[in-house]
Amino acid sequence: MRADRLLALLLLLQNRGRMTAPELAAELEVSVRTIYRDVEALGASGVPVRADRGPDGGYRLMSGYRTRLTGLTDDEAGALFLAGVPGPARDLGLGAVLATAQLKVQAALPAELAERTRLIQDRFHLDAPAWFRDADPVAHLAPVARAVWEQRVVRTHYRRWRGEVHRELRPLGIVLKGGIWYLAALVDEAVRTYRIARFLAVDLTDEVFVRPAGFDLAAHWAESSRRLEAELHRDTAHLRISPRAHRLLPMLYGAAGRRALAEAGEPDAEGWTEVRLAVEGPAVAVGDLLRLGAEAEVLGPPELRRAVAAAVAALAGRYGTTAAPST
């Protein structure tokens, strides 16, 4: 570990020029005292590190010195594919490996290209989780990721909506969607998807499995996503919506809202429009449609209109007959 850190320290000084001990400590996630010791070790090994004092001081390499120790290890080369998502890389236990790989690549680039990569990193950042929702706590992500890398069979205890199950899985790949981690795994000769936060226990076995020939994680995820949407959105609500609801539909219902607007009829004299929106079953659809409030009217199907009317009547009764609690 120390050898890797010394190399990362050397590459930081080579790529960025003068840096203070606190800056180096923050980058390498160690104490300032550790940086002092590491700089002494670099100097003892023949690396010409200069220490400049004063308000603009810090450590730097002597002019003209460059290391050529920029070969990537297998782990570092693999970690580069996560270069745009440093947070998830840390969750997978690859944060330090990714940082070292990026430093090595930067050190190997011509000066003008290295500066351009630094500018891009300074100006663009990807934040994977969705707004107003914490990312899933994923206590078992590390063993799941290890099972994927090493093609190891795992025995799991999983919490489903209908209860808990014990399953033996052959993990094929991990997907991060909107801040939520998912596992694609082979079970009973079929590839299924599991939300990693719902694993209650994950035990790695010594059994190694062979991945199915031609399995494509991206293609599997795209197909399973389409299948899930089709299964969820089995019904269609016929709505009459206001101009304000016209703007809300894409924000509240995503692709289903955009499709409804694309196929909408012409506005009436009051500016209201009739649309057909794909929805889940009645129990879920009622709650979803109430998000539009008074900006929408359900025209059909009749059972959905009655269900929404009953929910609205219950709300009116609760707020119309009960006094607000005193404070």
Protein backbone atom coordinates (compact mmCIF):
# COMPACT_ATOMS: atom_id res chain seq x y z
CA MET A 1 0.00 0.00 0.00
CA ARG A 2 2.81 2.44 0.83
CA ALA A 3 4.54 1.80 -2.50
CA ASP A 4 1.30 2.63 -4.32
CA ARG A 5 0.90 5.79 -2.24
CA LEU A 6 4.48 6.92 -2.93
CA LEU A 7 3.90 6.46 -6.65
CA ALA A 8 0.61 8.40 -6.43
CA LEU A 9 2.42 11.19 -4.54
CA LEU A 10 5.14 11.34 -7.17
CA LEU A 11 2.60 11.47 -10.02
CA LEU A 12 0.61 14.19 -8.27
CA LEU A 13 3.69 16.41 -8.04
CA GLN A 14 4.59 15.65 -11.64
CA ASN A 15 1.11 16.36 -12.99
CA ARG A 16 0.12 19.36 -10.89
CA GLY A 17 3.37 21.03 -9.94
CA ARG A 18 3.74 22.59 -6.50
CA MET A 19 1.35 21.24 -3.84
CA THR A 20 1.23 21.78 -0.09
CA ALA A 21 1.33 18.95 2.44
CA PRO A 22 -2.36 19.47 3.39
CA GLU A 23 -3.34 19.37 -0.31
CA LEU A 24 -1.42 16.14 -0.83
CA ALA A 25 -2.88 14.66 2.35
CA ALA A 26 -6.42 15.46 1.14
CA GLU A 27 -5.78 13.91 -2.27
CA LEU A 28 -4.28 10.71 -0.84
CA GLU A 29 -6.64 10.56 2.17
CA VAL A 30 -3.83 10.33 4.73
CA SER A 31 -2.52 12.59 7.50
CA VAL A 32 -0.13 15.50 6.91
CA ARG A 33 2.42 13.69 9.06
CA THR A 34 2.25 10.72 6.68
CA ILE A 35 2.95 13.09 3.76
CA TYR A 36 6.06 14.38 5.55
CA ARG A 37 7.32 10.81 5.95
CA ASP A 38 6.50 9.89 2.36
CA VAL A 39 8.31 12.94 0.98
CA GLU A 40 11.38 11.98 3.00
CA ALA A 41 11.14 8.44 1.59
CA LEU A 42 10.97 9.77 -2.00
CA GLY A 43 14.02 11.94 -1.38
CA ALA A 44 15.95 9.01 0.12
CA SER A 45 15.17 6.96 -3.00
CA GLY A 46 16.68 9.62 -5.27
CA VAL A 47 13.57 11.55 -6.37
CA PRO A 48 14.47 15.28 -6.37
CA VAL A 49 11.61 16.74 -4.29
CA ARG A 50 12.05 20.41 -3.33
CA ALA A 51 10.34 21.99 -0.30
CA ASP A 52 9.63 25.70 -0.79
CA ARG A 53 8.81 27.72 2.32
CA GLY A 54 6.56 30.75 2.70
CA PRO A 55 2.90 31.51 1.89
CA ASP A 56 3.33 30.25 -1.68
CA GLY A 57 5.43 27.28 -0.65
CA GLY A 58 4.89 23.58 -0.94
CA TYR A 59 6.52 20.52 -2.46
CA ARG A 60 7.57 20.29 -6.10
CA LEU A 61 9.85 18.25 -8.31
CA MET A 62 13.05 19.80 -9.59
CA SER A 63 12.67 21.31 -13.04
CA GLY A 64 13.03 18.76 -15.83
CA TYR A 65 12.46 15.67 -13.72
CA ARG A 66 9.78 13.26 -14.98
CA THR A 67 9.09 9.66 -14.06
CA ARG A 68 8.17 7.10 -16.71
CA LEU A 69 6.52 4.69 -14.27
CA THR A 70 3.17 5.04 -16.00
CA GLY A 71 2.28 1.43 -16.88
CA LEU A 72 -1.23 0.47 -15.80
CA THR A 73 -1.95 -2.64 -13.77
CA ASP A 74 -4.91 -4.82 -14.73
CA ASP A 75 -7.00 -3.39 -11.88
CA GLU A 76 -6.13 0.19 -12.83
CA ALA A 77 -6.97 -0.36 -16.49
CA GLY A 78 -10.36 -1.80 -15.53
CA ALA A 79 -11.06 1.01 -13.09
CA LEU A 80 -10.63 3.62 -15.84
CA PHE A 81 -14.05 2.65 -17.17
CA LEU A 82 -15.46 4.21 -13.97
CA ALA A 83 -13.56 7.48 -14.47
CA GLY A 84 -16.80 9.45 -14.85
CA VAL A 85 -18.38 8.12 -11.66
CA PRO A 86 -15.88 8.48 -8.80
CA GLY A 87 -18.53 8.05 -6.10
CA PRO A 88 -19.67 4.64 -7.36
CA ALA A 89 -16.01 3.68 -7.89
CA ARG A 90 -15.43 4.29 -4.18
CA ASP A 91 -18.54 2.25 -3.31
CA LEU A 92 -17.07 -0.65 -5.29
CA GLY A 93 -13.76 -0.37 -3.43
CA LEU A 94 -11.91 0.99 -6.49
CA GLY A 95 -11.45 4.63 -5.46
CA ALA A 96 -7.71 4.48 -4.80
CA VAL A 97 -7.08 2.26 -7.83
CA LEU A 98 -9.00 4.65 -10.08
CA ALA A 99 -7.15 7.70 -8.75
CA THR A 100 -3.75 6.07 -9.39
CA ALA A 101 -4.79 4.99 -12.88
CA GLN A 102 -5.90 8.52 -13.76
CA LEU A 103 -2.63 9.96 -12.49
CA LYS A 104 -0.64 7.48 -14.58
CA VAL A 105 -2.58 8.32 -17.73
CA GLN A 106 -2.20 12.04 -17.07
CA ALA A 107 1.54 11.64 -16.53
CA ALA A 108 1.90 9.82 -19.86
CA LEU A 109 0.08 12.51 -21.86
CA PRO A 110 1.80 15.41 -23.60
CA ALA A 111 1.65 18.59 -21.51
CA GLU A 112 -1.12 20.24 -23.56
CA LEU A 113 -3.37 17.17 -23.42
CA ALA A 114 -2.74 16.64 -19.72
CA GLU A 115 -3.78 20.24 -19.06
CA ARG A 116 -6.93 19.74 -21.11
CA THR A 117 -7.93 16.65 -19.08
CA ARG A 118 -7.41 18.63 -15.88
CA LEU A 119 -9.63 21.44 -17.19
CA ILE A 120 -12.36 18.94 -18.09
CA GLN A 121 -12.24 17.44 -14.59
CA ASP A 122 -12.49 20.92 -13.10
CA ARG A 123 -15.55 21.82 -15.19
CA PHE A 124 -17.68 18.66 -15.49
CA HIS A 125 -19.01 16.36 -12.78
CA LEU A 126 -21.49 13.49 -12.81
CA ASP A 127 -23.75 13.07 -9.77
CA ALA A 128 -25.52 9.74 -10.18
CA PRO A 129 -28.23 9.77 -7.46
CA ALA A 130 -31.58 11.37 -8.18
CA TRP A 131 -32.64 14.65 -6.54
CA PHE A 132 -34.31 14.64 -3.12
CA ARG A 133 -33.58 10.96 -2.53
CA ASP A 134 -30.71 9.47 -0.61
CA ALA A 135 -28.76 6.72 -2.31
CA ASP A 136 -29.50 3.19 -1.15
CA PRO A 137 -27.42 1.95 1.79
CA VAL A 138 -25.61 -0.99 0.19
CA ALA A 139 -24.00 -2.92 3.01
CA HIS A 140 -23.38 -5.97 0.79
CA LEU A 141 -22.13 -4.20 -2.35
CA ALA A 142 -18.47 -5.15 -1.78
CA PRO A 143 -19.00 -8.94 -1.60
CA VAL A 144 -21.46 -8.78 -4.50
CA ALA A 145 -18.90 -6.87 -6.59
CA ARG A 146 -16.19 -9.36 -5.66
CA ALA A 147 -18.44 -12.23 -6.73
CA VAL A 148 -18.97 -10.51 -10.09
CA TRP A 149 -15.22 -9.97 -10.65
CA GLU A 150 -14.26 -13.49 -9.61
CA GLN A 151 -17.31 -15.31 -11.06
CA ARG A 152 -18.08 -16.83 -7.66
CA VAL A 153 -21.42 -18.36 -6.68
CA VAL A 154 -23.08 -16.59 -3.73
CA ARG A 155 -25.72 -17.71 -1.25
CA THR A 156 -28.05 -14.86 -0.42
CA HIS A 157 -30.88 -13.90 1.89
CA TYR A 158 -33.11 -11.44 0.02
CA ARG A 159 -36.10 -9.32 1.05
CA ARG A 160 -38.89 -9.21 -1.56
CA TRP A 161 -42.24 -7.46 -1.40
CA ARG A 162 -43.90 -10.84 -0.79
CA GLY A 163 -41.46 -11.96 1.90
CA GLU A 164 -37.87 -13.12 2.33
CA VAL A 165 -36.15 -15.81 0.26
CA HIS A 166 -32.83 -17.68 0.25
CA ARG A 167 -31.26 -17.98 -3.18
CA GLU A 168 -28.03 -19.27 -4.73
CA LEU A 169 -26.98 -16.80 -7.42
CA ARG A 170 -24.37 -16.61 -10.17
CA PRO A 171 -23.66 -12.84 -10.37
CA LEU A 172 -23.18 -11.53 -13.92
CA GLY A 173 -23.07 -7.75 -13.59
CA ILE A 174 -23.89 -4.65 -11.55
CA VAL A 175 -25.95 -1.66 -12.70
CA LEU A 176 -26.24 1.77 -11.04
CA LYS A 177 -29.55 3.44 -11.93
CA GLY A 178 -30.61 6.74 -10.36
CA GLY A 179 -28.47 6.15 -7.27
CA ILE A 180 -29.77 2.58 -6.82
CA TRP A 181 -27.51 -0.47 -7.27
CA TYR A 182 -28.85 -3.57 -9.02
CA LEU A 183 -27.40 -7.03 -9.60
CA ALA A 184 -28.06 -9.13 -12.69
CA ALA A 185 -27.61 -12.77 -11.73
CA LEU A 186 -28.25 -16.21 -13.15
CA VAL A 187 -30.68 -18.32 -11.12
CA ASP A 188 -32.57 -21.42 -12.29
CA GLU A 189 -31.13 -20.92 -15.81
CA ALA A 190 -32.71 -17.45 -16.08
CA VAL A 191 -31.15 -14.00 -15.62
CA ARG A 192 -32.97 -12.00 -12.96
CA THR A 193 -32.44 -8.56 -11.43
CA TYR A 194 -32.03 -7.87 -7.71
CA ARG A 195 -31.85 -4.60 -5.81
CA ILE A 196 -28.62 -4.88 -3.84
CA ALA A 197 -29.88 -2.85 -0.87
CA ARG A 198 -32.45 -5.60 -0.22
CA PHE A 199 -29.85 -8.31 0.37
CA LEU A 200 -29.94 -9.20 4.05
CA ALA A 201 -26.91 -11.51 3.77
CA VAL A 202 -24.42 -12.41 1.04
CA ASP A 203 -22.01 -15.35 1.48
CA LEU A 204 -19.34 -16.03 -1.13
CA THR A 205 -18.71 -19.69 -1.87
CA ASP A 206 -15.58 -21.26 -3.35
CA GLU A 207 -17.56 -22.44 -6.37
CA VAL A 208 -16.59 -20.70 -9.62
CA PHE A 209 -19.08 -20.59 -12.50
CA VAL A 210 -18.81 -19.97 -16.25
CA ARG A 211 -20.57 -16.90 -17.59
CA PRO A 212 -23.15 -17.58 -20.32
CA ALA A 213 -21.61 -17.12 -23.74
CA GLY A 214 -22.62 -13.84 -25.33
CA PHE A 215 -24.23 -12.32 -22.24
CA ASP A 216 -24.43 -8.53 -22.73
CA LEU A 217 -25.12 -6.62 -19.50
CA ALA A 218 -26.17 -3.37 -21.23
CA ALA A 219 -28.54 -5.19 -23.60
CA HIS A 220 -30.00 -7.23 -20.73
CA TRP A 221 -30.62 -4.09 -18.68
CA ALA A 222 -32.28 -2.26 -21.57
CA GLU A 223 -34.56 -5.21 -22.30
CA SER A 224 -35.47 -5.82 -18.65
CA SER A 225 -36.21 -2.09 -18.21
CA ARG A 226 -38.57 -2.13 -21.20
CA ARG A 227 -40.21 -5.31 -19.91
CA LEU A 228 -40.68 -3.85 -16.43
CA GLU A 229 -42.25 -0.67 -17.82
CA ALA A 230 -44.62 -2.71 -19.99
CA GLU A 231 -45.61 -4.87 -16.99
CA LEU A 232 -46.19 -1.87 -14.75
CA HIS A 233 -48.04 0.32 -17.25
CA ARG A 234 -50.76 -2.13 -18.22
CA ASP A 235 -53.67 0.33 -18.04
CA THR A 236 -54.44 3.64 -19.76
CA ALA A 237 -56.07 6.64 -18.11
CA HIS A 238 -58.13 9.02 -20.25
CA LEU A 239 -57.55 12.49 -18.81
CA ARG A 240 -58.54 16.07 -19.44
CA ILE A 241 -55.66 18.27 -18.30
CA SER A 242 -55.10 22.00 -17.83
CA PRO A 243 -52.27 24.01 -19.45
CA ARG A 244 -50.37 23.79 -16.16
CA ALA A 245 -50.77 20.01 -16.04
CA HIS A 246 -49.53 19.95 -19.64
CA ARG A 247 -46.21 21.25 -18.31
CA LEU A 248 -46.25 18.92 -15.29
CA LEU A 249 -46.85 15.67 -17.14
CA PRO A 250 -43.24 15.08 -18.33
CA MET A 251 -41.83 15.98 -14.90
CA LEU A 252 -44.22 13.75 -12.94
CA TYR A 253 -44.53 10.77 -15.31
CA GLY A 254 -41.34 10.81 -17.39
CA ALA A 255 -41.46 8.95 -20.71
CA ALA A 256 -45.12 7.99 -20.21
CA GLY A 257 -46.01 11.67 -19.77
CA ARG A 258 -44.07 12.69 -22.86
CA ARG A 259 -45.76 10.01 -24.96
CA ALA A 260 -49.17 11.12 -23.73
CA LEU A 261 -48.47 14.71 -24.77
CA ALA A 262 -47.12 13.66 -28.17
CA GLU A 263 -50.43 11.93 -28.93
CA ALA A 264 -52.66 14.58 -27.31
CA GLY A 265 -55.62 16.16 -29.03
CA GLU A 266 -56.14 19.87 -29.69
CA PRO A 267 -56.85 22.18 -26.71
CA ASP A 268 -60.48 23.11 -26.14
CA ALA A 269 -61.83 26.65 -25.67
CA GLU A 270 -60.50 26.72 -22.08
CA GLY A 271 -57.06 25.49 -23.12
CA TRP A 272 -57.58 22.02 -21.61
CA THR A 273 -56.38 18.95 -23.52
CA GLU A 274 -57.45 15.31 -23.60
CA VAL A 275 -54.61 12.80 -23.24
CA ARG A 276 -54.20 9.07 -22.70
CA LEU A 277 -51.61 8.27 -20.05
CA ALA A 278 -50.15 4.80 -19.40
CA VAL A 279 -50.62 3.97 -15.71
CA GLU A 280 -50.18 1.08 -13.31
CA GLY A 281 -53.07 -0.80 -11.72
CA PRO A 282 -55.92 1.17 -10.07
CA ALA A 283 -54.44 1.13 -6.56
CA VAL A 284 -51.23 2.82 -7.75
CA ALA A 285 -52.84 4.91 -10.51
CA VAL A 286 -55.17 6.72 -8.08
CA GLY A 287 -52.26 8.01 -6.00
CA ASP A 288 -50.27 8.94 -9.11
CA LEU A 289 -53.15 10.88 -10.68
CA LEU A 290 -53.91 12.76 -7.47
CA ARG A 291 -50.48 14.36 -7.84
CA LEU A 292 -52.05 16.53 -10.55
CA GLY A 293 -54.63 17.85 -8.09
CA ALA A 294 -57.31 20.06 -9.59
CA GLU A 295 -55.32 20.41 -12.83
CA ALA A 296 -56.71 17.16 -14.25
CA GLU A 297 -60.00 15.30 -14.59
CA VAL A 298 -60.17 11.53 -15.08
CA LEU A 299 -62.60 10.77 -17.92
CA GLY A 300 -62.05 7.02 -18.00
CA PRO A 301 -62.02 4.11 -17.57
CA PRO A 302 -65.17 4.40 -15.42
CA GLU A 303 -63.76 2.31 -12.55
CA LEU A 304 -60.67 4.53 -12.36
CA ARG A 305 -62.82 7.69 -12.41
CA ARG A 306 -64.93 6.26 -9.56
CA ALA A 307 -61.81 5.33 -7.56
CA VAL A 308 -60.33 8.82 -7.94
CA ALA A 309 -63.69 10.41 -7.05
CA ALA A 310 -63.90 8.26 -3.91
CA ALA A 311 -60.37 9.28 -2.88
CA VAL A 312 -61.16 12.96 -3.45
CA ALA A 313 -64.43 12.64 -1.47
CA ALA A 314 -62.55 11.02 1.42
CA LEU A 315 -60.01 13.85 1.42
CA ALA A 316 -62.77 16.47 1.28
CA GLY A 317 -64.53 14.82 4.20
CA ARG A 318 -61.37 14.62 6.25
CA TYR A 319 -60.42 18.25 5.72
CA GLY A 320 -63.96 19.64 5.69
CA THR A 321 -65.27 18.13 8.94
CA THR A 322 -62.20 17.84 11.16
CA ALA A 323 -60.66 20.84 12.87
CA ALA A 324 -56.93 21.27 12.54
CA PRO A 325 -55.04 20.17 15.67
CA SER A 326 -54.11 23.00 18.00
CA THR A 327 -50.47 23.94 18.34
